[in-house]
Amino acid sequence: MDILRTGEGPVRVVAVHGIQGTNAAWLPLAQALRRECRFVLPNLWGRGTAPRPASPAHCTLESYGAMLREVIDAEVGDQPYVLAGWSMGVSVALWQAAHSLRRGRCPTGLLLLSGSPQLSAAPWFRATEAPQLLAEIAARERRLGLTQAADHTTVAWTWQALRSADQRKLLPSLRLPALVVHGDSDVDCPAHHARALATGLPEATLLMLPGAGHGILTANTAAVAAAVRAQLPRLAAAPAVGTYFPRSQS
């Protein structure tokens, strides 16, 4: 596994990158919160030194979720943790949260940045086949200013697998404290995606950052860090003994 561990705080945060990013996307926020949190930052298939996927079957939400579950089992075990995602990482985090509820080993809270519960409505790429899709991937990588980026074929396979995903029906079952942070000028996941996410999650707080775009981890680090600090006691609080989490229907 390709995992970066950073920070010295008491709250463990497992954070997932976006479709074209790597674990490096989280480093500015992890540095800002180093005294409050210990970040566990995995690279999924095709990012950093993580193995390249052997086929498109490795690039589904189920495959990424299973990979994330292995990271959590190895790095967290039975200890409390906050599960975080940025962009596509929100979709992976939602999948893992639903699965963890079924296993009875859920995170204490969710931190969801610049994501969507309905990737089928996210305007990330228009093309569906190479080489047009690969050209769009390269252009979006430049636009987002990703200094460390995912393998282009991995991104293409991932988008082909995820472009019809709709997780809205599972949101009501995720009765976990959640913080949704989003830029109100995000063109990759327009603001209505954040509102749908926060409305669907029973215990979500929504913060819209005025004038912010998709890359809030780097462009709006201080504002995101302040929001996390304010909500961290709620996100990291252990559930009451005997709390019942309903089985996800997804």
Protein backbone atom coordinates (compact mmCIF):
# COMPACT_ATOMS: atom_id res chain seq x y z
CA MET A 1 0.00 0.00 0.00
CA ASP A 2 1.11 3.55 -0.72
CA ILE A 3 0.15 5.46 2.45
CA LEU A 4 1.35 8.78 3.83
CA ARG A 5 0.97 9.40 7.56
CA THR A 6 1.32 12.91 8.93
CA GLY A 7 0.33 14.96 11.96
CA GLU A 8 0.57 14.59 15.71
CA GLY A 9 -2.93 15.39 16.96
CA PRO A 10 -5.29 13.09 18.87
CA VAL A 11 -7.91 12.73 16.09
CA ARG A 12 -7.17 10.20 13.38
CA VAL A 13 -8.45 11.17 9.92
CA VAL A 14 -8.46 8.78 6.96
CA ALA A 15 -8.73 10.94 3.84
CA VAL A 16 -9.33 9.98 0.19
CA HIS A 17 -8.18 11.97 -2.84
CA GLY A 18 -10.08 12.85 -6.02
CA ILE A 19 -10.34 11.11 -9.38
CA GLN A 20 -7.21 12.78 -10.80
CA GLY A 21 -5.40 13.65 -7.60
CA THR A 22 -3.15 11.77 -5.19
CA ASN A 23 -2.75 11.82 -1.43
CA ALA A 24 -0.62 14.95 -1.88
CA ALA A 25 -3.83 16.95 -2.38
CA TRP A 26 -4.49 16.65 1.37
CA LEU A 27 -1.07 17.82 2.54
CA PRO A 28 -1.87 21.56 2.92
CA LEU A 29 -4.86 20.80 5.17
CA ALA A 30 -2.97 18.09 7.04
CA GLN A 31 -0.18 20.57 7.75
CA ALA A 32 -2.66 23.22 8.94
CA LEU A 33 -4.30 20.69 11.29
CA ARG A 34 -1.14 18.86 12.34
CA ARG A 35 -1.66 19.61 16.05
CA GLU A 36 -5.28 18.50 16.03
CA CYS A 37 -5.18 15.50 13.69
CA ARG A 38 -3.17 12.55 12.47
CA PHE A 39 -3.88 12.04 8.81
CA VAL A 40 -3.76 8.66 7.09
CA LEU A 41 -3.52 9.40 3.36
CA PRO A 42 -3.70 6.40 1.02
CA ASN A 43 -3.16 6.44 -2.72
CA LEU A 44 -5.71 4.34 -4.55
CA TRP A 45 -4.97 2.36 -7.72
CA GLY A 46 -2.89 4.25 -10.30
CA ARG A 47 -1.74 7.05 -7.98
CA GLY A 48 1.76 7.57 -6.62
CA THR A 49 3.46 4.23 -6.13
CA ALA A 50 0.19 2.34 -5.72
CA PRO A 51 -0.18 -0.46 -8.30
CA ARG A 52 -1.70 0.37 -11.65
CA PRO A 53 -5.11 -1.27 -12.06
CA ALA A 54 -5.05 -4.40 -14.18
CA SER A 55 -8.43 -3.69 -15.75
CA PRO A 56 -11.44 -1.33 -15.54
CA ALA A 57 -12.91 -3.72 -12.93
CA HIS A 58 -10.38 -2.33 -10.43
CA CYS A 59 -11.72 1.22 -10.88
CA THR A 60 -15.25 0.87 -9.53
CA LEU A 61 -16.57 2.32 -6.29
CA GLU A 62 -16.67 -1.21 -4.90
CA SER A 63 -13.00 -1.80 -5.75
CA TYR A 64 -11.84 1.54 -4.38
CA GLY A 65 -14.01 1.03 -1.31
CA ALA A 66 -12.50 -2.40 -0.70
CA MET A 67 -9.01 -0.93 -1.01
CA LEU A 68 -9.94 1.81 1.46
CA ARG A 69 -11.37 -0.78 3.83
CA GLU A 70 -8.02 -2.60 3.83
CA VAL A 71 -6.27 0.65 4.71
CA ILE A 72 -8.67 1.32 7.58
CA ASP A 73 -8.32 -2.22 8.93
CA ALA A 74 -4.52 -1.99 8.81
CA GLU A 75 -4.07 1.60 10.00
CA VAL A 76 -7.02 2.13 12.36
CA GLY A 77 -8.34 -1.23 13.47
CA ASP A 78 -10.94 -0.75 16.20
CA GLN A 79 -9.83 2.79 17.05
CA PRO A 80 -12.07 5.84 16.36
CA TYR A 81 -11.48 7.82 13.18
CA VAL A 82 -13.00 10.49 10.97
CA LEU A 83 -13.51 9.48 7.33
CA ALA A 84 -12.80 12.25 4.82
CA GLY A 85 -13.07 12.64 1.06
CA TRP A 86 -12.44 15.31 -1.53
CA SER A 87 -14.16 15.27 -4.94
CA MET A 88 -14.34 11.60 -6.03
CA GLY A 89 -13.07 10.75 -2.57
CA VAL A 90 -16.48 11.80 -1.24
CA SER A 91 -18.11 9.04 -3.31
CA VAL A 92 -15.59 6.47 -2.06
CA ALA A 93 -16.06 7.67 1.53
CA LEU A 94 -19.85 7.36 1.24
CA TRP A 95 -19.51 3.81 -0.10
CA GLN A 96 -17.14 2.87 2.72
CA ALA A 97 -19.31 4.52 5.39
CA ALA A 98 -22.34 2.53 4.24
CA HIS A 99 -20.31 -0.68 4.23
CA SER A 100 -18.83 0.04 7.66
CA LEU A 101 -22.32 0.46 9.11
CA ARG A 102 -23.16 -3.04 7.95
CA ARG A 103 -19.97 -4.30 9.60
CA GLY A 104 -20.67 -2.37 12.81
CA ARG A 105 -17.33 -0.51 12.62
CA CYS A 106 -18.32 2.92 11.42
CA PRO A 107 -16.30 6.17 11.56
CA THR A 108 -17.22 8.72 14.19
CA GLY A 109 -17.90 11.35 11.54
CA LEU A 110 -17.58 12.37 7.90
CA LEU A 111 -15.67 15.28 6.35
CA LEU A 112 -16.85 15.74 2.75
CA LEU A 113 -15.24 18.35 0.51
CA SER A 114 -16.17 19.41 -3.03
CA GLY A 115 -18.12 16.23 -3.71
CA SER A 116 -21.42 14.98 -5.03
CA PRO A 117 -23.88 12.24 -4.12
CA GLN A 118 -24.73 11.97 -7.84
CA LEU A 119 -21.72 11.61 -10.11
CA SER A 120 -24.10 10.94 -12.99
CA ALA A 121 -24.84 14.68 -12.91
CA ALA A 122 -21.24 15.88 -12.43
CA PRO A 123 -19.82 17.60 -15.52
CA TRP A 124 -16.25 16.35 -15.18
CA PHE A 125 -15.81 14.95 -18.68
CA ARG A 126 -18.00 14.88 -21.78
CA ALA A 127 -16.22 12.21 -23.80
CA THR A 128 -16.79 8.57 -22.96
CA GLU A 129 -14.15 6.91 -25.16
CA ALA A 130 -10.43 7.40 -25.81
CA PRO A 131 -8.63 9.34 -27.22
CA GLN A 132 -11.08 12.21 -26.65
CA LEU A 133 -11.51 11.28 -22.98
CA LEU A 134 -7.75 11.11 -22.42
CA ALA A 135 -7.39 14.57 -23.95
CA GLU A 136 -10.05 15.94 -21.60
CA ILE A 137 -8.30 14.31 -18.65
CA ALA A 138 -5.01 15.99 -19.53
CA ALA A 139 -6.73 19.36 -19.95
CA ARG A 140 -8.56 19.09 -16.60
CA GLU A 141 -5.32 18.10 -14.87
CA ARG A 142 -3.72 21.32 -16.13
CA ARG A 143 -6.77 23.42 -15.21
CA LEU A 144 -6.82 22.11 -11.64
CA GLY A 145 -3.06 22.65 -11.30
CA LEU A 146 -2.38 19.11 -10.07
CA THR A 147 1.37 18.80 -9.49
CA GLN A 148 0.92 15.12 -8.64
CA ALA A 149 -1.74 13.43 -10.71
CA ALA A 150 -3.21 10.03 -11.39
CA ASP A 151 -2.33 7.84 -14.35
CA HIS A 152 -4.52 8.96 -17.26
CA THR A 153 -5.70 5.47 -18.20
CA THR A 154 -6.72 4.88 -14.58
CA VAL A 155 -8.71 8.11 -14.61
CA ALA A 156 -10.42 7.12 -17.87
CA TRP A 157 -11.37 3.69 -16.55
CA THR A 158 -12.58 5.26 -13.30
CA TRP A 159 -14.80 7.80 -15.03
CA GLN A 160 -16.27 5.13 -17.29
CA ALA A 161 -17.13 3.10 -14.17
CA LEU A 162 -18.40 5.97 -12.01
CA ARG A 163 -20.11 8.31 -14.46
CA SER A 164 -23.52 6.70 -13.81
CA ALA A 165 -23.17 6.51 -9.99
CA ASP A 166 -26.02 7.86 -7.88
CA GLN A 167 -25.70 7.48 -4.09
CA ARG A 168 -28.58 9.70 -3.01
CA LYS A 169 -30.70 6.79 -1.73
CA LEU A 170 -28.08 5.66 0.77
CA LEU A 171 -27.62 9.09 2.40
CA PRO A 172 -30.52 8.84 4.92
CA SER A 173 -28.98 5.68 6.40
CA LEU A 174 -25.70 7.45 7.21
CA ARG A 175 -26.63 8.82 10.62
CA LEU A 176 -23.16 10.14 11.36
CA PRO A 177 -22.04 13.68 12.19
CA ALA A 178 -20.93 15.18 8.89
CA LEU A 179 -19.35 18.40 7.70
CA VAL A 180 -19.86 19.30 4.04
CA VAL A 181 -17.57 22.07 2.74
CA HIS A 182 -17.96 23.36 -0.79
CA GLY A 183 -17.07 26.34 -2.94
CA ASP A 184 -20.03 28.28 -4.26
CA SER A 185 -18.14 28.87 -7.54
CA ASP A 186 -17.22 25.21 -8.08
CA VAL A 187 -17.75 24.39 -11.78
CA ASP A 188 -16.79 20.71 -11.40
CA CYS A 189 -19.39 20.04 -8.70
CA PRO A 190 -21.77 23.01 -8.77
CA ALA A 191 -23.23 24.17 -5.45
CA HIS A 192 -26.48 22.21 -5.79
CA HIS A 193 -24.45 18.99 -5.41
CA ALA A 194 -23.33 20.13 -1.95
CA ARG A 195 -26.84 21.09 -0.96
CA ALA A 196 -28.18 17.70 -2.05
CA LEU A 197 -25.42 15.97 -0.08
CA ALA A 198 -26.02 17.99 3.09
CA THR A 199 -29.80 17.69 2.82
CA GLY A 200 -29.66 13.94 2.34
CA LEU A 201 -27.35 13.26 5.30
CA PRO A 202 -29.39 13.39 8.54
CA GLU A 203 -26.65 14.99 10.68
CA ALA A 204 -24.80 17.19 8.20
CA THR A 205 -23.62 20.77 8.54
CA LEU A 206 -23.03 22.64 5.27
CA LEU A 207 -20.46 25.40 4.80
CA MET A 208 -20.37 27.18 1.44
CA LEU A 209 -17.17 29.13 0.78
CA PRO A 210 -17.90 32.35 -1.18
CA GLY A 211 -15.97 32.61 -4.45
CA ALA A 212 -14.23 29.26 -3.96
CA GLY A 213 -13.84 26.67 -6.69
CA HIS A 214 -13.17 22.94 -6.72
CA GLY A 215 -9.65 23.07 -5.30
CA ILE A 216 -10.51 24.23 -1.80
CA LEU A 217 -7.88 21.98 -0.21
CA THR A 218 -5.12 24.19 -1.63
CA ALA A 219 -6.79 27.49 -2.54
CA ASN A 220 -8.86 27.82 0.64
CA THR A 221 -6.83 25.83 3.16
CA ALA A 222 -7.20 28.28 6.05
CA ALA A 223 -10.99 28.51 5.71
CA VAL A 224 -11.38 24.73 5.48
CA ALA A 225 -9.05 24.21 8.47
CA ALA A 226 -11.05 26.70 10.56
CA ALA A 227 -14.29 24.91 9.70
CA VAL A 228 -12.83 21.53 10.61
CA ARG A 229 -11.48 22.83 13.92
CA ALA A 230 -14.89 24.20 14.83
CA GLN A 231 -16.61 20.90 14.02
CA LEU A 232 -13.92 18.47 15.14
CA PRO A 233 -15.39 17.80 18.63
CA ARG A 234 -18.65 16.78 16.96
CA LEU A 235 -17.04 14.75 14.18
CA ALA A 236 -14.66 12.91 16.50
CA ALA A 237 -17.05 12.18 19.37
CA ALA A 238 -17.57 8.48 20.01
CA PRO A 239 -21.20 7.36 19.52
CA ALA A 240 -23.23 6.72 22.63
CA VAL A 241 -23.24 3.16 23.91
CA GLY A 242 -26.12 1.29 22.37
CA THR A 243 -26.48 3.65 19.41
CA TYR A 244 -28.27 1.86 16.60
CA PHE A 245 -27.25 2.42 13.01
CA PRO A 246 -29.76 1.11 10.45
CA ARG A 247 -28.61 -1.22 7.72
CA SER A 248 -27.86 0.54 4.43
CA GLN A 249 -30.11 -0.44 1.56
CA SER A 250 -27.49 0.15 -1.13
